[in-house]
Protein backbone atom coordinates (compact mmCIF):
# COMPACT_ATOMS: atom_id res chain seq x y z
CA MET A 1 103.76 127.66 65.86
CA ALA A 2 104.92 128.08 69.45
CA ARG A 3 107.77 126.72 71.53
CA ILE A 4 106.18 125.84 74.86
CA GLY A 5 107.74 124.79 78.15
CA ALA A 6 106.08 122.56 80.75
CA PHE A 7 106.69 122.02 84.45
CA CYS A 8 105.22 118.93 86.07
CA PHE A 9 105.41 117.33 89.53
CA PRO A 10 107.76 114.32 89.15
CA ALA A 11 105.38 111.39 89.58
CA THR A 12 103.88 108.92 87.10
CA GLY A 13 100.36 110.16 87.75
CA HIS A 14 101.44 113.65 86.65
CA LEU A 15 103.95 112.78 83.94
CA ASN A 16 101.61 110.53 81.94
CA PRO A 17 98.85 113.12 81.42
CA MET A 18 101.28 116.03 80.97
CA THR A 19 103.22 114.22 78.24
CA ALA A 20 99.91 113.25 76.62
CA LEU A 21 98.90 116.91 76.56
CA ALA A 22 102.32 117.82 75.18
CA ARG A 23 101.87 115.23 72.44
CA SER A 24 98.53 116.77 71.46
CA LEU A 25 100.20 120.15 71.09
CA GLU A 26 103.03 118.70 69.04
CA MET A 27 100.52 117.02 66.72
CA ARG A 28 99.22 120.54 66.05
CA GLY A 29 102.67 121.75 65.06
CA HIS A 30 103.96 123.18 68.35
CA GLU A 31 107.18 122.19 70.11
CA VAL A 32 107.04 121.28 73.81
CA ILE A 33 109.98 121.07 76.21
CA LEU A 34 109.37 119.50 79.61
CA PHE A 35 111.63 120.67 82.44
CA GLY A 36 112.30 117.86 84.91
CA ILE A 37 114.65 116.08 87.27
CA PRO A 38 117.05 113.40 85.94
CA ASP A 39 114.85 110.44 86.95
CA THR A 40 112.06 111.62 84.63
CA GLU A 41 114.15 112.18 81.51
CA ALA A 42 113.97 108.68 80.03
CA ARG A 43 110.19 108.49 80.45
CA VAL A 44 109.61 111.90 78.89
CA ARG A 45 111.91 111.27 75.93
CA ALA A 46 110.33 107.82 75.40
CA ALA A 47 107.01 109.63 75.04
CA GLY A 48 108.56 111.66 72.22
CA ILE A 49 108.67 114.94 74.14
CA GLY A 50 111.68 117.25 74.40
CA PHE A 51 113.38 117.45 77.78
CA HIS A 52 115.51 119.98 79.68
CA ARG A 53 117.13 118.73 82.86
CA ILE A 54 116.93 120.71 86.12
CA GLY A 55 117.60 119.83 89.76
CA SER A 56 120.49 117.43 89.15
CA ASP A 57 122.20 118.37 92.42
CA ASP A 58 119.06 118.10 94.57
CA PHE A 59 117.56 115.07 92.84
CA PRO A 60 120.31 112.83 91.41
CA ILE A 61 119.45 109.61 89.58
CA GLY A 62 117.71 107.18 91.94
CA THR A 63 116.13 109.83 94.18
CA LEU A 64 112.64 109.36 92.78
CA LYS A 65 112.71 105.60 93.35
CA ASN A 66 113.67 106.12 97.00
CA LEU A 67 110.95 108.74 97.51
CA ASP A 68 108.33 106.53 95.88
CA ALA A 69 109.36 103.59 98.06
CA ARG A 70 108.78 105.69 101.18
CA MET A 71 105.48 106.93 99.83
CA ALA A 72 104.30 103.37 99.14
CA ARG A 73 104.28 102.68 102.87
CA LEU A 74 102.18 105.73 103.84
CA LYS A 75 98.48 106.50 103.85
CA GLY A 76 96.05 109.17 104.99
CA LEU A 77 97.40 112.30 106.66
CA ALA A 78 100.94 110.92 106.76
CA ALA A 79 100.89 110.51 102.97
CA LEU A 80 99.59 114.05 102.53
CA ARG A 81 102.30 115.53 104.77
CA PHE A 82 104.99 113.60 102.92
CA THR A 83 103.62 114.77 99.57
CA LEU A 84 103.52 118.39 100.71
CA GLU A 85 107.15 118.17 101.76
CA ARG A 86 108.02 116.76 98.32
CA VAL A 87 106.15 119.62 96.70
CA ARG A 88 108.09 122.08 98.86
CA SER A 89 111.46 120.57 97.92
CA SER A 90 110.52 120.58 94.25
CA ALA A 91 109.27 124.18 94.44
CA ARG A 92 112.53 125.43 95.94
CA MET A 93 114.49 123.74 93.19
CA VAL A 94 112.23 125.05 90.42
CA LEU A 95 112.39 128.60 91.73
CA ARG A 96 116.19 128.41 91.84
CA ASP A 97 116.92 126.59 88.58
CA GLY A 98 113.83 127.49 86.56
CA PRO A 99 114.66 130.98 85.26
CA GLN A 100 118.02 129.98 83.78
CA ALA A 101 116.58 126.77 82.29
CA VAL A 102 113.62 128.56 80.69
CA ARG A 103 115.89 131.22 79.20
CA ALA A 104 118.26 128.56 77.86
CA ALA A 105 115.41 126.60 76.27
CA GLY A 106 114.03 129.70 74.59
CA VAL A 107 110.37 128.90 75.26
CA GLU A 108 107.64 131.48 74.69
CA ALA A 109 105.14 130.30 77.31
CA LEU A 110 104.77 127.77 80.11
CA LEU A 111 102.30 125.08 81.10
CA VAL A 112 102.45 124.64 84.87
CA ASP A 113 101.06 121.70 86.82
CA GLU A 114 98.92 123.01 89.69
CA ALA A 115 101.15 120.93 91.99
CA ASP A 116 104.16 122.93 90.77
CA PHE A 117 105.10 126.58 91.35
CA ALA A 118 106.82 127.54 88.12
CA GLY A 119 104.16 130.18 87.53
CA SER A 120 106.35 132.50 89.60
CA VAL A 121 109.23 131.78 87.20
CA ALA A 122 106.99 132.87 84.32
CA ASP A 123 105.97 136.02 86.21
CA TYR A 124 109.63 136.86 86.83
CA LEU A 125 110.56 136.33 83.19
CA GLY A 126 107.47 138.14 81.91
CA ILE A 127 106.11 135.29 79.79
CA SER A 128 102.59 133.87 79.56
CA TRP A 129 101.67 130.76 81.50
CA ILE A 130 98.68 128.49 81.94
CA SER A 131 97.79 126.32 84.92
CA ILE A 132 97.16 122.63 84.21
CA ALA A 133 95.15 120.71 86.84
CA LEU A 134 96.08 117.06 86.59
CA LEU A 135 94.31 116.46 89.92
CA PRO A 136 90.84 117.82 90.78
CA PRO A 137 91.18 121.59 90.34
CA LEU A 138 91.39 124.01 93.23
CA LEU A 139 87.94 125.58 93.67
CA ASP A 140 87.61 128.71 95.76
CA ASP A 141 84.14 127.66 96.86
CA ASP A 142 83.24 126.47 100.35
CA ARG A 143 80.58 124.12 98.97
CA PHE A 144 83.41 121.89 97.81
CA PRO A 145 85.72 120.06 100.26
CA PRO A 146 89.48 120.18 99.68
CA PHE A 147 90.77 117.37 97.49
CA TRP A 148 92.29 115.33 100.34
CA LEU A 149 88.93 114.60 101.97
CA GLY A 150 86.33 112.07 100.90
CA TRP A 151 83.30 114.22 101.62
CA GLY A 152 80.72 115.07 99.05
CA ALA A 153 79.97 118.68 98.11
CA ARG A 154 77.29 120.32 100.27
CA GLU A 155 75.36 123.58 100.10
CA ASP A 156 73.98 123.69 103.65
CA ARG A 157 75.51 125.92 106.35
CA LEU A 158 76.98 123.06 108.40
CA GLY A 159 78.56 121.43 105.36
CA ARG A 160 80.08 124.72 104.22
CA LEU A 161 81.44 125.42 107.71
CA ARG A 162 83.05 121.97 107.79
CA ASN A 163 84.65 122.63 104.43
CA ARG A 164 86.03 126.00 105.53
CA ILE A 165 87.64 124.39 108.58
CA ALA A 166 89.18 121.66 106.41
CA ILE A 167 90.48 124.22 103.91
CA ARG A 168 92.05 126.23 106.73
CA LEU A 169 93.80 123.10 107.99
CA LEU A 170 95.16 122.35 104.53
CA LEU A 171 96.45 125.92 104.22
CA GLN A 172 98.24 125.58 107.54
CA MET A 173 99.88 122.37 106.40
CA GLY A 174 100.93 123.97 103.13
CA SER A 175 102.09 127.27 104.63
CA PRO A 176 105.85 126.41 104.43
CA ILE A 177 105.50 126.04 100.65
CA PHE A 178 103.85 129.42 100.22
CA ARG A 179 106.37 131.03 102.57
CA ASP A 180 109.25 129.78 100.40
CA VAL A 181 107.51 130.90 97.21
CA ASN A 182 106.76 134.35 98.59
CA GLU A 183 110.32 134.86 99.81
CA GLN A 184 111.53 134.20 96.27
CA ARG A 185 108.86 136.42 94.74
CA LYS A 186 109.89 139.28 97.03
CA SER A 187 113.54 138.86 96.03
CA TRP A 188 112.43 139.13 92.38
CA GLY A 189 110.37 142.25 93.07
CA LEU A 190 107.06 140.43 92.55
CA LYS A 191 103.94 140.82 94.64
CA PRO A 192 103.64 137.97 97.20
CA HIS A 193 100.75 135.55 96.94
CA GLY A 194 98.03 136.23 99.49
CA GLU A 195 95.80 133.22 98.76
CA PRO A 196 96.38 129.81 97.13
CA ARG A 197 94.40 130.94 94.09
CA ASP A 198 97.04 133.64 93.52
CA ALA A 199 99.47 130.86 92.59
CA LEU A 200 97.23 129.88 89.66
CA SER A 201 97.35 131.48 86.23
CA PRO A 202 95.10 134.50 85.66
CA LEU A 203 95.33 133.73 81.94
CA GLY A 204 93.81 130.26 81.96
CA ARG A 205 93.30 127.08 83.97
CA ILE A 206 92.71 123.76 82.22
CA THR A 207 91.78 120.56 84.05
CA GLN A 208 91.72 117.03 82.68
CA LEU A 209 88.71 116.38 84.95
CA PRO A 210 85.58 116.07 82.79
CA GLU A 211 82.84 118.41 83.95
CA ALA A 212 80.50 115.41 83.96
CA PHE A 213 82.69 113.89 86.71
CA GLU A 214 82.71 117.00 88.93
CA PHE A 215 80.36 117.18 91.92
CA PRO A 216 76.83 117.83 90.57
CA ILE A 217 76.54 121.27 92.15
CA ARG A 218 76.08 124.20 89.83
CA GLY A 219 77.14 127.74 90.48
CA LYS A 220 79.63 130.41 89.58
CA ARG A 221 83.05 129.06 88.65
CA PRO A 222 86.21 130.96 87.74
CA PRO A 223 85.81 132.16 84.14
CA VAL A 224 89.36 131.03 83.38
CA LEU A 225 88.71 127.44 84.53
CA HIS A 226 87.97 124.96 81.75
CA TYR A 227 86.99 121.30 82.23
CA THR A 228 88.10 119.05 79.38
CA GLY A 229 88.75 115.32 79.72
CA PRO A 230 91.48 112.74 80.42
CA PHE A 231 94.87 113.48 78.89
CA VAL A 232 95.78 110.10 77.41
CA HIS A 233 97.76 108.96 74.38
CA ALA A 234 98.01 105.17 74.28
CA GLN A 235 100.99 105.26 71.91
CA GLN A 236 103.10 106.98 74.57
CA ARG A 237 102.75 104.22 77.13
CA PRO A 238 105.73 101.83 77.31
CA ALA A 239 105.11 98.37 75.91
CA ILE A 240 104.45 95.80 78.64
CA GLU A 241 104.65 92.07 78.10
CA PHE A 242 101.55 90.36 79.40
CA PRO A 243 100.38 86.69 79.41
CA TRP A 244 97.10 87.26 77.59
CA GLU A 245 96.63 83.50 77.25
CA ARG A 246 96.03 83.27 81.01
CA LEU A 247 92.77 85.23 80.79
CA ASP A 248 90.11 82.55 80.98
CA GLY A 249 87.03 84.32 79.60
CA ARG A 250 85.24 84.96 82.87
CA PRO A 251 84.30 88.58 83.78
CA LEU A 252 87.60 90.30 84.56
CA ILE A 253 88.18 92.23 87.78
CA TYR A 254 91.26 94.43 87.50
CA ALA A 255 92.89 95.58 90.75
CA SER A 256 95.61 98.24 90.95
CA LEU A 257 96.85 100.59 93.66
CA GLY A 258 98.85 102.69 91.21
CA THR A 259 102.58 103.33 91.27
CA LEU A 260 102.97 105.43 94.44
CA GLN A 261 100.96 103.96 97.32
CA ASN A 262 101.21 100.32 96.32
CA GLY A 263 103.33 98.98 99.18
CA SER A 264 100.57 97.40 101.27
CA GLU A 265 100.70 93.63 100.98
CA ALA A 266 97.72 93.42 103.33
CA ILE A 267 95.44 95.35 100.97
CA PHE A 268 96.33 93.13 98.02
CA ARG A 269 95.60 90.05 100.14
CA THR A 270 92.28 91.56 101.24
CA ILE A 271 91.36 92.16 97.59
CA ALA A 272 92.17 88.55 96.74
CA GLY A 273 90.11 87.27 99.64
CA ALA A 274 87.16 89.47 98.64
CA CYS A 275 87.13 88.13 95.07
CA ALA A 276 87.80 84.47 95.83
CA GLY A 277 84.84 82.29 94.87
CA LEU A 278 83.17 84.89 92.64
CA ASP A 279 82.32 83.93 89.07
CA ALA A 280 85.06 86.27 87.84
CA GLN A 281 88.80 86.30 87.25
CA LEU A 282 90.94 88.65 89.34
CA LEU A 283 94.02 90.33 87.88
CA ILE A 284 96.25 92.20 90.33
CA SER A 285 98.82 94.70 89.04
CA LEU A 286 101.39 95.53 91.75
CA GLY A 287 102.64 98.68 90.02
CA GLY A 288 106.26 97.81 90.71
CA GLY A 289 105.87 98.20 94.45
CA LEU A 290 106.15 94.57 95.54
CA ASP A 291 107.53 91.29 94.19
CA PRO A 292 104.87 89.01 92.63
CA ALA A 293 106.68 86.03 94.18
CA ARG A 294 105.29 87.10 97.55
CA PHE A 295 101.76 86.37 96.31
CA ASP A 296 102.07 82.84 94.96
CA ARG A 297 99.40 81.45 97.30
CA LEU A 298 96.68 84.08 97.33
CA ALA A 299 93.06 83.14 97.94
CA GLY A 300 91.28 82.34 94.69
CA ASN A 301 94.54 81.97 92.74
CA PRO A 302 94.37 85.34 90.92
CA MET A 303 96.80 86.51 88.26
CA VAL A 304 99.49 88.75 89.83
CA VAL A 305 101.87 90.81 87.71
CA SER A 306 104.33 93.61 88.40
CA PHE A 307 102.80 95.78 85.68
CA ALA A 308 99.87 95.39 83.34
CA PRO A 309 99.09 97.17 80.05
CA GLN A 310 96.32 99.08 81.77
CA LEU A 311 94.69 100.76 78.79
CA ASP A 312 94.30 97.41 77.01
CA ILE A 313 93.19 95.57 80.15
CA LEU A 314 90.44 98.13 80.80
CA LYS A 315 88.87 97.33 77.45
CA ARG A 316 88.21 93.80 78.80
CA ALA A 317 87.41 94.61 82.42
CA ALA A 318 84.01 94.22 84.06
CA LEU A 319 85.07 96.09 87.20
CA VAL A 320 88.12 97.91 88.57
CA ILE A 321 89.28 97.91 92.19
CA THR A 322 91.42 100.98 92.66
CA HIS A 323 93.07 103.36 95.11
CA ALA A 324 91.11 106.11 93.29
CA GLY A 325 94.12 107.64 91.58
CA ILE A 326 92.64 110.11 89.12
CA ASN A 327 94.28 108.61 86.03
CA THR A 328 93.12 105.05 86.74
CA VAL A 329 89.61 106.30 87.48
CA LEU A 330 89.38 108.43 84.35
CA GLU A 331 90.88 105.71 82.16
CA SER A 332 88.36 103.21 83.54
CA LEU A 333 85.44 105.57 82.95
CA SER A 334 86.72 106.20 79.42
CA GLU A 335 85.94 102.52 78.80
CA GLY A 336 82.63 102.63 80.67
CA VAL A 337 83.94 100.40 83.49
CA PRO A 338 82.52 100.90 87.03
CA LEU A 339 84.83 100.89 90.04
CA VAL A 340 85.22 100.08 93.71
CA ALA A 341 87.57 102.57 95.34
CA ILE A 342 89.84 102.17 98.38
CA PRO A 343 91.33 105.68 98.69
CA LEU A 344 94.67 105.75 100.52
CA GLY A 345 95.66 109.43 100.60
CA ASN A 346 96.45 112.68 98.78
CA ASP A 347 93.78 113.48 96.15
CA GLN A 348 92.33 109.97 96.16
CA PRO A 349 89.54 110.60 98.72
CA GLY A 350 88.34 113.55 96.63
CA VAL A 351 88.36 111.50 93.43
CA ALA A 352 86.52 108.66 95.18
CA ALA A 353 83.90 111.08 96.50
CA ARG A 354 83.21 112.27 92.95
CA LEU A 355 82.97 108.66 91.76
CA LYS A 356 80.35 107.94 94.41
CA ALA A 357 78.46 111.18 93.75
CA ARG A 358 78.18 110.30 90.05
CA GLY A 359 76.96 106.76 90.77
CA ALA A 360 79.73 105.01 88.82
CA GLY A 361 81.13 103.08 91.77
CA LEU A 362 81.33 102.49 95.50
CA VAL A 363 83.88 103.53 98.12
CA VAL A 364 85.28 101.33 100.90
CA SER A 365 87.34 103.30 103.40
CA ARG A 366 90.83 102.06 104.25
CA ARG A 367 90.02 102.12 107.97
CA ARG A 368 87.01 99.83 107.56
CA LEU A 369 88.46 97.59 104.87
CA THR A 370 87.80 93.87 105.29
CA SER A 371 87.41 91.11 102.75
CA ALA A 372 83.71 90.84 103.63
CA ARG A 373 82.99 94.57 103.13
CA LEU A 374 84.97 94.69 99.92
CA ARG A 375 83.27 91.52 98.64
CA ASN A 376 79.84 93.04 99.24
CA ALA A 377 80.83 96.17 97.34
CA VAL A 378 82.29 94.19 94.44
CA LYS A 379 79.21 91.99 94.14
CA LEU A 380 76.87 94.98 94.23
CA VAL A 381 78.74 96.88 91.52
CA LEU A 382 78.94 93.76 89.33
CA GLU A 383 75.28 92.86 89.75
CA ASP A 384 73.53 96.25 89.81
CA ARG A 385 73.40 97.55 86.25
CA ARG A 386 73.02 101.16 87.44
CA PHE A 387 76.75 101.40 88.21
CA ARG A 388 77.76 100.35 84.70
CA GLU A 389 75.13 102.61 83.17
CA ALA A 390 76.50 105.57 85.13
CA ALA A 391 80.04 104.68 84.02
CA GLN A 392 78.84 104.47 80.42
CA ASP A 393 77.18 107.89 80.71
CA LEU A 394 80.55 109.30 81.78
CA GLN A 395 82.23 107.39 78.95
CA ARG A 396 79.99 109.15 76.42
CA ALA A 397 80.71 112.56 77.97
CA ILE A 398 84.46 111.91 77.87
CA ARG A 399 84.39 110.81 74.23
CA HIS A 400 82.26 113.78 73.24
CA THR A 401 84.79 116.25 74.68
CA ASP A 402 88.15 114.77 73.51
CA GLY A 403 90.14 116.20 76.41
CA PRO A 404 93.63 116.49 74.87
CA ALA A 405 92.36 118.14 71.70
CA ARG A 406 90.13 120.57 73.60
CA ALA A 407 92.96 121.45 76.00
CA ALA A 408 95.30 122.12 73.09
CA GLU A 409 92.73 124.43 71.50
CA LEU A 410 92.37 126.38 74.74
CA ILE A 411 96.13 126.72 75.07
CA GLU A 412 96.37 128.03 71.53
CA GLN A 413 93.67 130.60 72.27
CA ALA A 414 95.58 131.75 75.34
CA LEU A 415 98.86 132.06 73.47
CA LYS A 416 97.22 134.23 70.83
CA THR A 417 96.32 136.84 73.41
CA GLN A 418 99.95 137.30 74.56
CA SER A 419 98.80 139.68 77.29
CA ALA A 420 99.30 138.75 80.95
CA GLY A 421 95.86 139.81 82.11
CA ALA A 422 93.77 138.33 79.32
CA GLN A 423 91.51 135.34 79.81
CA LEU A 424 90.75 132.37 77.62
């Protein structure tokens, strides 16, 4: 059995699936150690995963809460820029503290979040590593738009040109990150990265995105890229008290903007206004971003809670209104629940575009959001059976694959090769 290290971007949407994947490996007899900043330690240990602290000087206790509070107020391009700067700060810390931490932990191989840059640490130490895509994976294919845009995939010349321009813009925005990484690689005597794909593992790439949820365009894909399915272990989620007796038996609409970009009181009020008067009960989960006391007089008198036991709620939901965070979307589809997406930034437009392309929901842009537009979308998804049928098709595909188990098998195959240039 192997002793495996994991590096993960410090955010709930990354930590939950990474610890679920780690749990799957531990159930197969391996030991996993997650390297993280102090604010993530309690959550990782509560999930039953080993932890090794790094970045204490750069990210003391309380830093993550402050960063998340700032992020909650941003959207669109501003949110993406802020996230890229967070990635850059995290990358500098990982490159500085990572080698010593990995040596001290005595791990044999690394799992590296595609939003992290610890692959260079593995290269420096000469150990095997595998890229884990917790967001939609990076595809070196101009038919696919970059993840931060809500366009669908296109094969025509104009669509591909538009995608190339968007990819170039994203590379320009991310250039400070790659500059920092390459400076460190040079100091270690490693070859600098020339393209973003160079920062991904040549040994193997595993994504929690089900292939059935990817854009329906076929073609050549990297042989090391493997689609699996959502990384979820319900037992690892913290227990949340919830007033189940307040659910009144009507079709349940569950609304959540996640735990990062949940600071918009106006959006929550728009959601309430859109659902008021429908023959359905609305449950709003604020994700810890706002105080429920601020919403005591919302239209339609919905239930409003700081946090909800999402996996259990989704088993009862008729529809989900979401920011299109990948974990909420995949968890909803795992229960066959259709969605209405209001993407706010980062990877959410790309996730929403895939949702629309697969027919399992509708998208309402943040710029055009009104109660009337959202109400029309909600009514259509509730009333048109094709949305639920598409969601149920995806549910069957997800259950057939068993993402965490398949990912663990692929990781084991990679570790058996033990040669840096081998592929899964």
